[in-house]
All heavy atoms as atom14 arrays in JSON, in Angstrom:
{
  "sequence": "FVAAITSSGDRTNYADSVKGRFSISRDNAKNTVYLQMNSLKPED",
  "atom14_mask": [
    [1, 1, 1, 1, 1, 1, 1, 1, 1, 1, 1, 0, 0, 0],
    [1, 1, 1, 1, 1, 1, 1, 0, 0, 0, 0, 0, 0, 0],
    [1, 1, 1, 1, 1, 0, 0, 0, 0, 0, 0, 0, 0, 0],
    [1, 1, 1, 1, 1, 0, 0, 0, 0, 0, 0, 0, 0, 0],
    [1, 1, 1, 1, 1, 1, 1, 1, 0, 0, 0, 0, 0, 0],
    [1, 1, 1, 1, 1, 1, 1, 0, 0, 0, 0, 0, 0, 0],
    [1, 1, 1, 1, 1, 1, 0, 0, 0, 0, 0, 0, 0, 0],
    [1, 1, 1, 1, 1, 1, 0, 0, 0, 0, 0, 0, 0, 0],
    [1, 1, 1, 1, 0, 0, 0, 0, 0, 0, 0, 0, 0, 0],
    [1, 1, 1, 1, 1, 1, 1, 1, 0, 0, 0, 0, 0, 0],
    [1, 1, 1, 1, 1, 1, 1, 1, 1, 1, 1, 0, 0, 0],
    [1, 1, 1, 1, 1, 1, 1, 0, 0, 0, 0, 0, 0, 0],
    [1, 1, 1, 1, 1, 1, 1, 1, 0, 0, 0, 0, 0, 0],
    [1, 1, 1, 1, 1, 1, 1, 1, 1, 1, 1, 1, 0, 0],
    [1, 1, 1, 1, 1, 0, 0, 0, 0, 0, 0, 0, 0, 0],
    [1, 1, 1, 1, 1, 1, 1, 1, 0, 0, 0, 0, 0, 0],
    [1, 1, 1, 1, 1, 1, 0, 0, 0, 0, 0, 0, 0, 0],
    [1, 1, 1, 1, 1, 1, 1, 0, 0, 0, 0, 0, 0, 0],
    [1, 1, 1, 1, 1, 1, 1, 1, 1, 0, 0, 0, 0, 0],
    [1, 1, 1, 1, 0, 0, 0, 0, 0, 0, 0, 0, 0, 0],
    [1, 1, 1, 1, 1, 1, 1, 1, 1, 1, 1, 0, 0, 0],
    [1, 1, 1, 1, 1, 1, 1, 1, 1, 1, 1, 0, 0, 0],
    [1, 1, 1, 1, 1, 1, 0, 0, 0, 0, 0, 0, 0, 0],
    [1, 1, 1, 1, 1, 1, 1, 1, 0, 0, 0, 0, 0, 0],
    [1, 1, 1, 1, 1, 1, 0, 0, 0, 0, 0, 0, 0, 0],
    [1, 1, 1, 1, 1, 1, 1, 1, 1, 1, 1, 0, 0, 0],
    [1, 1, 1, 1, 1, 1, 1, 1, 0, 0, 0, 0, 0, 0],
    [1, 1, 1, 1, 1, 1, 1, 1, 0, 0, 0, 0, 0, 0],
    [1, 1, 1, 1, 1, 0, 0, 0, 0, 0, 0, 0, 0, 0],
    [1, 1, 1, 1, 1, 1, 1, 1, 1, 0, 0, 0, 0, 0],
    [1, 1, 1, 1, 1, 1, 1, 1, 0, 0, 0, 0, 0, 0],
    [1, 1, 1, 1, 1, 1, 1, 0, 0, 0, 0, 0, 0, 0],
    [1, 1, 1, 1, 1, 1, 1, 0, 0, 0, 0, 0, 0, 0],
    [1, 1, 1, 1, 1, 1, 1, 1, 1, 1, 1, 1, 0, 0],
    [1, 1, 1, 1, 1, 1, 1, 1, 0, 0, 0, 0, 0, 0],
    [1, 1, 1, 1, 1, 1, 1, 1, 1, 0, 0, 0, 0, 0],
    [1, 1, 1, 1, 1, 1, 1, 1, 0, 0, 0, 0, 0, 0],
    [1, 1, 1, 1, 1, 1, 1, 1, 0, 0, 0, 0, 0, 0],
    [1, 1, 1, 1, 1, 1, 0, 0, 0, 0, 0, 0, 0, 0],
    [1, 1, 1, 1, 1, 1, 1, 1, 0, 0, 0, 0, 0, 0],
    [1, 1, 1, 1, 1, 1, 1, 1, 1, 0, 0, 0, 0, 0],
    [1, 1, 1, 1, 1, 1, 1, 0, 0, 0, 0, 0, 0, 0],
    [1, 1, 1, 1, 1, 1, 1, 1, 1, 0, 0, 0, 0, 0],
    [1, 1, 1, 1, 1, 1, 1, 1, 0, 0, 0, 0, 0, 0]
  ],
  "atom14_positions": [
    [[77.24, 100.64, 104.39], [77.74, 101.89, 104.91], [78.78, 101.67, 105.99], [78.68, 100.76, 106.86], [76.59, 102.62, 105.45], [76.88, 103.88, 106.24], [77.2, 105.08, 105.58], [76.88, 103.87, 107.66], [77.45, 106.19, 106.29], [77.17, 104.91, 108.3], [77.4, 106.16, 107.71], [0.0, 0.0, 0.0], [0.0, 0.0, 0.0], [0.0, 0.0, 0.0]],
    [[79.76, 102.62, 106.01], [80.79, 102.53, 106.96], [80.77, 103.82, 107.8], [80.85, 103.75, 109.01], [82.2, 102.48, 106.35], [83.33, 102.51, 107.4], [82.29, 101.06, 105.59], [0.0, 0.0, 0.0], [0.0, 0.0, 0.0], [0.0, 0.0, 0.0], [0.0, 0.0, 0.0], [0.0, 0.0, 0.0], [0.0, 0.0, 0.0], [0.0, 0.0, 0.0]],
    [[80.92, 105.04, 107.17], [81.03, 106.29, 107.97], [80.57, 107.51, 107.02], [80.68, 107.35, 105.77], [82.51, 106.55, 108.46], [0.0, 0.0, 0.0], [0.0, 0.0, 0.0], [0.0, 0.0, 0.0], [0.0, 0.0, 0.0], [0.0, 0.0, 0.0], [0.0, 0.0, 0.0], [0.0, 0.0, 0.0], [0.0, 0.0, 0.0], [0.0, 0.0, 0.0]],
    [[80.04, 108.55, 107.78], [79.64, 109.68, 106.9], [80.08, 110.94, 107.62], [80.33, 110.98, 108.84], [78.16, 109.73, 106.65], [0.0, 0.0, 0.0], [0.0, 0.0, 0.0], [0.0, 0.0, 0.0], [0.0, 0.0, 0.0], [0.0, 0.0, 0.0], [0.0, 0.0, 0.0], [0.0, 0.0, 0.0], [0.0, 0.0, 0.0], [0.0, 0.0, 0.0]],
    [[80.22, 112.01, 106.89], [80.67, 113.39, 107.4], [79.93, 114.47, 106.76], [79.77, 114.46, 105.48], [82.22, 113.46, 107.42], [82.61, 114.81, 108.1], [82.58, 113.55, 105.84], [84.18, 114.85, 108.21], [0.0, 0.0, 0.0], [0.0, 0.0, 0.0], [0.0, 0.0, 0.0], [0.0, 0.0, 0.0], [0.0, 0.0, 0.0], [0.0, 0.0, 0.0]],
    [[79.5, 115.56, 107.56], [78.75, 116.67, 106.94], [79.7, 117.44, 106.11], [80.89, 117.3, 106.09], [78.25, 117.51, 108.06], [79.33, 117.89, 108.88], [77.16, 116.75, 108.75], [0.0, 0.0, 0.0], [0.0, 0.0, 0.0], [0.0, 0.0, 0.0], [0.0, 0.0, 0.0], [0.0, 0.0, 0.0], [0.0, 0.0, 0.0], [0.0, 0.0, 0.0]],
    [[79.09, 118.35, 105.27], [79.85, 119.14, 104.39], [81.04, 120.08, 104.98], [82.12, 120.17, 104.44], [79.04, 120.08, 103.56], [78.31, 121.0, 104.42], [0.0, 0.0, 0.0], [0.0, 0.0, 0.0], [0.0, 0.0, 0.0], [0.0, 0.0, 0.0], [0.0, 0.0, 0.0], [0.0, 0.0, 0.0], [0.0, 0.0, 0.0], [0.0, 0.0, 0.0]],
    [[80.74, 120.55, 106.23], [81.69, 121.25, 106.97], [82.59, 120.37, 107.8], [83.57, 121.07, 108.35], [81.02, 122.37, 107.72], [80.16, 121.82, 108.87], [0.0, 0.0, 0.0], [0.0, 0.0, 0.0], [0.0, 0.0, 0.0], [0.0, 0.0, 0.0], [0.0, 0.0, 0.0], [0.0, 0.0, 0.0], [0.0, 0.0, 0.0], [0.0, 0.0, 0.0]],
    [[82.23, 119.24, 108.02], [83.1, 118.38, 108.91], [82.65, 118.46, 110.29], [83.47, 117.92, 111.15], [0.0, 0.0, 0.0], [0.0, 0.0, 0.0], [0.0, 0.0, 0.0], [0.0, 0.0, 0.0], [0.0, 0.0, 0.0], [0.0, 0.0, 0.0], [0.0, 0.0, 0.0], [0.0, 0.0, 0.0], [0.0, 0.0, 0.0], [0.0, 0.0, 0.0]],
    [[81.66, 119.05, 110.55], [81.26, 119.28, 112.01], [80.54, 118.13, 112.74], [80.3, 118.12, 113.95], [80.48, 120.45, 112.31], [79.05, 120.55, 111.57], [78.93, 119.72, 110.58], [78.26, 121.31, 112.03], [0.0, 0.0, 0.0], [0.0, 0.0, 0.0], [0.0, 0.0, 0.0], [0.0, 0.0, 0.0], [0.0, 0.0, 0.0], [0.0, 0.0, 0.0]],
    [[80.08, 117.1, 111.92], [79.38, 116.04, 112.5], [79.68, 114.76, 111.59], [79.8, 114.81, 110.46], [77.92, 116.24, 112.53], [76.97, 115.23, 113.32], [75.59, 115.68, 113.4], [75.51, 116.99, 114.17], [75.38, 117.02, 115.61], [75.33, 115.95, 116.27], [75.28, 118.2, 116.18], [0.0, 0.0, 0.0], [0.0, 0.0, 0.0], [0.0, 0.0, 0.0]],
    [[79.75, 113.6, 112.37], [80.09, 112.39, 111.77], [79.11, 111.28, 112.3], [78.43, 111.46, 113.25], [81.62, 111.86, 112.02], [81.74, 111.83, 113.46], [82.58, 112.91, 111.51], [0.0, 0.0, 0.0], [0.0, 0.0, 0.0], [0.0, 0.0, 0.0], [0.0, 0.0, 0.0], [0.0, 0.0, 0.0], [0.0, 0.0, 0.0], [0.0, 0.0, 0.0]],
    [[79.13, 110.13, 111.54], [78.3, 109.1, 111.86], [79.04, 107.73, 111.33], [79.56, 107.73, 110.33], [76.89, 109.17, 111.22], [75.86, 108.12, 111.7], [75.89, 107.78, 112.82], [75.06, 107.5, 110.86], [0.0, 0.0, 0.0], [0.0, 0.0, 0.0], [0.0, 0.0, 0.0], [0.0, 0.0, 0.0], [0.0, 0.0, 0.0], [0.0, 0.0, 0.0]],
    [[78.85, 106.75, 112.14], [79.55, 105.4, 111.9], [78.65, 104.25, 111.99], [77.76, 104.26, 112.86], [80.73, 105.36, 112.9], [81.74, 106.4, 112.79], [81.62, 107.53, 113.62], [82.77, 106.37, 111.94], [82.55, 108.52, 113.58], [83.68, 107.33, 111.83], [83.61, 108.54, 112.65], [84.53, 109.43, 112.66], [0.0, 0.0, 0.0], [0.0, 0.0, 0.0]],
    [[79.05, 103.26, 111.18], [78.33, 101.88, 111.35], [78.75, 101.35, 112.66], [79.9, 101.56, 113.18], [78.73, 101.05, 110.23], [0.0, 0.0, 0.0], [0.0, 0.0, 0.0], [0.0, 0.0, 0.0], [0.0, 0.0, 0.0], [0.0, 0.0, 0.0], [0.0, 0.0, 0.0], [0.0, 0.0, 0.0], [0.0, 0.0, 0.0], [0.0, 0.0, 0.0]],
    [[77.96, 100.61, 113.34], [78.12, 100.01, 114.76], [79.54, 99.12, 114.58], [80.21, 99.12, 115.7], [77.04, 99.19, 115.25], [75.87, 100.02, 115.6], [76.05, 101.18, 115.95], [74.66, 99.4, 115.76], [0.0, 0.0, 0.0], [0.0, 0.0, 0.0], [0.0, 0.0, 0.0], [0.0, 0.0, 0.0], [0.0, 0.0, 0.0], [0.0, 0.0, 0.0]],
    [[79.71, 98.46, 113.58], [80.85, 97.59, 113.33], [82.16, 98.28, 113.46], [83.19, 97.64, 113.7], [80.63, 96.76, 112.1], [80.7, 97.56, 110.99], [0.0, 0.0, 0.0], [0.0, 0.0, 0.0], [0.0, 0.0, 0.0], [0.0, 0.0, 0.0], [0.0, 0.0, 0.0], [0.0, 0.0, 0.0], [0.0, 0.0, 0.0], [0.0, 0.0, 0.0]],
    [[82.18, 99.57, 113.16], [83.52, 100.32, 113.11], [83.59, 101.4, 114.12], [84.66, 102.02, 114.32], [83.83, 100.91, 111.8], [83.69, 99.7, 110.68], [82.8, 101.94, 111.46], [0.0, 0.0, 0.0], [0.0, 0.0, 0.0], [0.0, 0.0, 0.0], [0.0, 0.0, 0.0], [0.0, 0.0, 0.0], [0.0, 0.0, 0.0], [0.0, 0.0, 0.0]],
    [[82.5, 101.67, 114.82], [82.48, 102.72, 115.84], [83.57, 102.56, 116.94], [83.67, 101.49, 117.46], [81.12, 102.83, 116.37], [80.84, 104.03, 117.18], [79.4, 104.16, 117.67], [79.17, 105.55, 118.46], [77.77, 105.63, 118.78], [0.0, 0.0, 0.0], [0.0, 0.0, 0.0], [0.0, 0.0, 0.0], [0.0, 0.0, 0.0], [0.0, 0.0, 0.0]],
    [[84.25, 103.6, 117.13], [85.46, 103.55, 118.13], [86.77, 103.12, 117.59], [87.73, 103.29, 118.18], [0.0, 0.0, 0.0], [0.0, 0.0, 0.0], [0.0, 0.0, 0.0], [0.0, 0.0, 0.0], [0.0, 0.0, 0.0], [0.0, 0.0, 0.0], [0.0, 0.0, 0.0], [0.0, 0.0, 0.0], [0.0, 0.0, 0.0], [0.0, 0.0, 0.0]],
    [[86.77, 102.68, 116.19], [87.95, 102.22, 115.58], [88.33, 102.94, 114.37], [89.53, 103.32, 114.19], [87.86, 100.71, 115.19], [87.63, 99.72, 116.25], [87.74, 98.32, 115.93], [86.69, 98.02, 114.9], [86.91, 97.54, 113.77], [88.17, 97.4, 113.25], [85.84, 97.31, 112.81], [0.0, 0.0, 0.0], [0.0, 0.0, 0.0], [0.0, 0.0, 0.0]],
    [[87.24, 103.5, 113.7], [87.48, 104.27, 112.45], [87.17, 105.57, 112.74], [86.22, 105.97, 113.51], [86.53, 103.79, 111.29], [87.04, 102.3, 110.73], [87.93, 101.57, 111.35], [86.32, 101.91, 109.58], [88.26, 100.38, 110.92], [86.65, 100.73, 109.11], [87.65, 99.94, 109.73], [0.0, 0.0, 0.0], [0.0, 0.0, 0.0], [0.0, 0.0, 0.0]],
    [[87.76, 106.63, 111.93], [87.49, 108.03, 112.08], [87.34, 108.66, 110.7], [88.45, 108.57, 110.0], [88.45, 108.68, 112.92], [88.28, 110.13, 113.17], [0.0, 0.0, 0.0], [0.0, 0.0, 0.0], [0.0, 0.0, 0.0], [0.0, 0.0, 0.0], [0.0, 0.0, 0.0], [0.0, 0.0, 0.0], [0.0, 0.0, 0.0], [0.0, 0.0, 0.0]],
    [[86.38, 109.31, 110.38], [86.29, 110.03, 109.01], [86.55, 111.49, 109.22], [86.18, 112.06, 110.33], [84.9, 109.78, 108.47], [84.76, 110.29, 106.98], [83.81, 110.41, 109.29], [83.55, 109.93, 106.2], [0.0, 0.0, 0.0], [0.0, 0.0, 0.0], [0.0, 0.0, 0.0], [0.0, 0.0, 0.0], [0.0, 0.0, 0.0], [0.0, 0.0, 0.0]],
    [[87.28, 112.03, 108.29], [87.5, 113.52, 108.31], [87.65, 114.09, 106.88], [87.61, 113.19, 105.91], [88.92, 113.73, 109.09], [89.98, 113.13, 108.43], [0.0, 0.0, 0.0], [0.0, 0.0, 0.0], [0.0, 0.0, 0.0], [0.0, 0.0, 0.0], [0.0, 0.0, 0.0], [0.0, 0.0, 0.0], [0.0, 0.0, 0.0], [0.0, 0.0, 0.0]],
    [[87.78, 115.35, 106.73], [87.89, 115.92, 105.3], [88.75, 117.14, 105.41], [88.75, 117.81, 106.39], [86.4, 116.13, 104.76], [85.69, 117.29, 105.44], [84.3, 117.25, 105.09], [84.05, 117.54, 103.68], [82.97, 117.21, 102.93], [82.06, 116.67, 103.43], [82.95, 117.6, 101.62], [0.0, 0.0, 0.0], [0.0, 0.0, 0.0], [0.0, 0.0, 0.0]],
    [[89.24, 117.45, 104.14], [90.01, 118.59, 103.99], [89.42, 119.27, 102.65], [89.7, 118.88, 101.55], [91.5, 118.42, 103.82], [92.31, 119.63, 103.62], [91.77, 120.77, 103.26], [93.6, 119.55, 103.8], [0.0, 0.0, 0.0], [0.0, 0.0, 0.0], [0.0, 0.0, 0.0], [0.0, 0.0, 0.0], [0.0, 0.0, 0.0], [0.0, 0.0, 0.0]],
    [[88.5, 120.26, 102.86], [87.79, 120.8, 101.64], [88.71, 121.56, 100.76], [88.39, 121.72, 99.53], [86.55, 121.66, 102.23], [85.51, 120.94, 102.78], [85.41, 119.67, 102.45], [84.64, 121.54, 103.49], [0.0, 0.0, 0.0], [0.0, 0.0, 0.0], [0.0, 0.0, 0.0], [0.0, 0.0, 0.0], [0.0, 0.0, 0.0], [0.0, 0.0, 0.0]],
    [[89.83, 122.1, 101.24], [90.72, 122.8, 100.41], [91.35, 121.86, 99.35], [91.93, 122.38, 98.33], [91.67, 123.58, 101.24], [0.0, 0.0, 0.0], [0.0, 0.0, 0.0], [0.0, 0.0, 0.0], [0.0, 0.0, 0.0], [0.0, 0.0, 0.0], [0.0, 0.0, 0.0], [0.0, 0.0, 0.0], [0.0, 0.0, 0.0], [0.0, 0.0, 0.0]],
    [[91.41, 120.63, 99.73], [92.11, 119.61, 99.0], [91.11, 118.62, 98.26], [91.5, 117.66, 97.67], [92.99, 118.67, 99.82], [94.25, 119.48, 100.3], [95.14, 118.51, 101.04], [96.48, 119.21, 101.56], [97.31, 118.28, 102.27], [0.0, 0.0, 0.0], [0.0, 0.0, 0.0], [0.0, 0.0, 0.0], [0.0, 0.0, 0.0], [0.0, 0.0, 0.0]],
    [[89.76, 118.89, 98.48], [88.74, 118.1, 97.94], [88.91, 116.62, 98.31], [88.71, 115.7, 97.42], [88.65, 118.3, 96.4], [88.1, 119.62, 96.06], [87.72, 120.49, 96.85], [87.91, 119.74, 94.7], [0.0, 0.0, 0.0], [0.0, 0.0, 0.0], [0.0, 0.0, 0.0], [0.0, 0.0, 0.0], [0.0, 0.0, 0.0], [0.0, 0.0, 0.0]],
    [[89.26, 116.44, 99.5], [89.65, 115.13, 99.95], [88.94, 114.7, 101.19], [88.83, 115.48, 102.17], [91.18, 114.98, 100.08], [91.84, 115.25, 98.87], [91.49, 113.47, 100.56], [0.0, 0.0, 0.0], [0.0, 0.0, 0.0], [0.0, 0.0, 0.0], [0.0, 0.0, 0.0], [0.0, 0.0, 0.0], [0.0, 0.0, 0.0], [0.0, 0.0, 0.0]],
    [[88.43, 113.44, 101.33], [87.9, 112.86, 102.6], [88.76, 111.62, 102.83], [89.35, 110.97, 102.09], [86.46, 112.5, 102.41], [86.28, 111.41, 101.33], [85.84, 112.02, 103.68], [0.0, 0.0, 0.0], [0.0, 0.0, 0.0], [0.0, 0.0, 0.0], [0.0, 0.0, 0.0], [0.0, 0.0, 0.0], [0.0, 0.0, 0.0], [0.0, 0.0, 0.0]],
    [[89.05, 111.48, 104.23], [89.88, 110.46, 104.68], [89.03, 109.42, 105.67], [87.95, 109.79, 106.21], [90.93, 111.14, 105.63], [91.84, 112.18, 104.85], [91.48, 113.58, 105.05], [92.77, 111.81, 104.03], [92.16, 114.5, 104.33], [93.62, 112.78, 103.33], [93.2, 114.05, 103.57], [93.93, 114.97, 102.86], [0.0, 0.0, 0.0], [0.0, 0.0, 0.0]],
    [[89.65, 108.25, 105.72], [89.16, 107.33, 106.7], [90.35, 106.65, 107.43], [91.04, 105.91, 106.93], [88.35, 106.09, 106.03], [87.67, 105.2, 106.99], [86.57, 105.94, 107.77], [87.13, 104.0, 106.16], [0.0, 0.0, 0.0], [0.0, 0.0, 0.0], [0.0, 0.0, 0.0], [0.0, 0.0, 0.0], [0.0, 0.0, 0.0], [0.0, 0.0, 0.0]],
    [[90.53, 107.07, 108.68], [91.52, 106.52, 109.54], [91.03, 105.18, 110.18], [89.94, 105.23, 110.84], [91.9, 107.48, 110.58], [93.06, 107.01, 111.64], [94.26, 106.75, 110.86], [94.82, 107.54, 110.07], [94.86, 105.58, 111.13], [0.0, 0.0, 0.0], [0.0, 0.0, 0.0], [0.0, 0.0, 0.0], [0.0, 0.0, 0.0], [0.0, 0.0, 0.0]],
    [[91.68, 104.13, 109.9], [91.15, 102.83, 110.31], [92.18, 102.22, 111.28], [93.28, 101.93, 110.96], [91.06, 101.92, 109.02], [90.28, 102.4, 107.93], [90.41, 101.55, 106.48], [89.6, 100.0, 106.77], [0.0, 0.0, 0.0], [0.0, 0.0, 0.0], [0.0, 0.0, 0.0], [0.0, 0.0, 0.0], [0.0, 0.0, 0.0], [0.0, 0.0, 0.0]],
    [[91.79, 102.14, 112.5], [92.62, 101.53, 113.54], [92.08, 100.26, 114.16], [90.88, 99.91, 113.94], [92.74, 102.58, 114.84], [93.42, 103.94, 114.28], [94.37, 103.83, 113.55], [92.95, 104.98, 114.92], [0.0, 0.0, 0.0], [0.0, 0.0, 0.0], [0.0, 0.0, 0.0], [0.0, 0.0, 0.0], [0.0, 0.0, 0.0], [0.0, 0.0, 0.0]],
    [[92.96, 99.49, 114.86], [92.54, 98.2, 115.4], [91.82, 97.41, 114.4], [90.75, 96.79, 114.72], [91.58, 98.45, 116.53], [92.32, 99.24, 117.65], [0.0, 0.0, 0.0], [0.0, 0.0, 0.0], [0.0, 0.0, 0.0], [0.0, 0.0, 0.0], [0.0, 0.0, 0.0], [0.0, 0.0, 0.0], [0.0, 0.0, 0.0], [0.0, 0.0, 0.0]],
    [[92.4, 97.22, 113.35], [91.74, 96.51, 112.12], [91.57, 94.97, 112.44], [92.42, 94.42, 113.12], [92.61, 96.66, 110.88], [92.36, 98.04, 110.17], [93.54, 98.27, 109.2], [91.01, 98.07, 109.5], [0.0, 0.0, 0.0], [0.0, 0.0, 0.0], [0.0, 0.0, 0.0], [0.0, 0.0, 0.0], [0.0, 0.0, 0.0], [0.0, 0.0, 0.0]],
    [[90.4, 94.54, 112.05], [90.02, 93.16, 112.19], [89.92, 92.44, 110.85], [89.61, 93.07, 109.76], [88.69, 92.98, 112.89], [88.66, 93.72, 114.18], [87.33, 93.6, 114.79], [87.16, 94.36, 116.1], [85.76, 94.27, 116.71], [0.0, 0.0, 0.0], [0.0, 0.0, 0.0], [0.0, 0.0, 0.0], [0.0, 0.0, 0.0], [0.0, 0.0, 0.0]],
    [[90.14, 91.04, 110.73], [89.95, 90.34, 109.52], [88.52, 90.72, 108.94], [88.42, 90.61, 107.6], [90.09, 88.91, 109.96], [90.97, 88.87, 110.99], [90.59, 90.2, 111.86], [0.0, 0.0, 0.0], [0.0, 0.0, 0.0], [0.0, 0.0, 0.0], [0.0, 0.0, 0.0], [0.0, 0.0, 0.0], [0.0, 0.0, 0.0], [0.0, 0.0, 0.0]],
    [[87.49, 90.86, 109.72], [86.22, 91.15, 109.2], [86.14, 92.51, 108.44], [85.19, 92.79, 107.71], [85.12, 91.23, 110.35], [85.21, 89.95, 111.23], [86.16, 90.16, 112.31], [85.68, 90.61, 113.43], [87.33, 89.77, 112.25], [0.0, 0.0, 0.0], [0.0, 0.0, 0.0], [0.0, 0.0, 0.0], [0.0, 0.0, 0.0], [0.0, 0.0, 0.0]],
    [[87.15, 93.43, 108.54], [87.16, 94.64, 107.84], [87.64, 94.52, 106.38], [87.72, 95.42, 105.7], [88.09, 95.69, 108.56], [87.65, 96.02, 109.92], [86.29, 96.19, 110.05], [88.41, 96.14, 110.87], [0.0, 0.0, 0.0], [0.0, 0.0, 0.0], [0.0, 0.0, 0.0], [0.0, 0.0, 0.0], [0.0, 0.0, 0.0], [0.0, 0.0, 0.0]]
  ]
}
């Protein structure tokens, strides 16, 4: 598991290994969920 987001996008949850570096979001009008990945490490 990496990250999760509620149906409305009002709450998120992250694995400890990515917390503070990754951000999950969604656009329901586009039926799309995103994962912004910053400060990437080889372990990712």
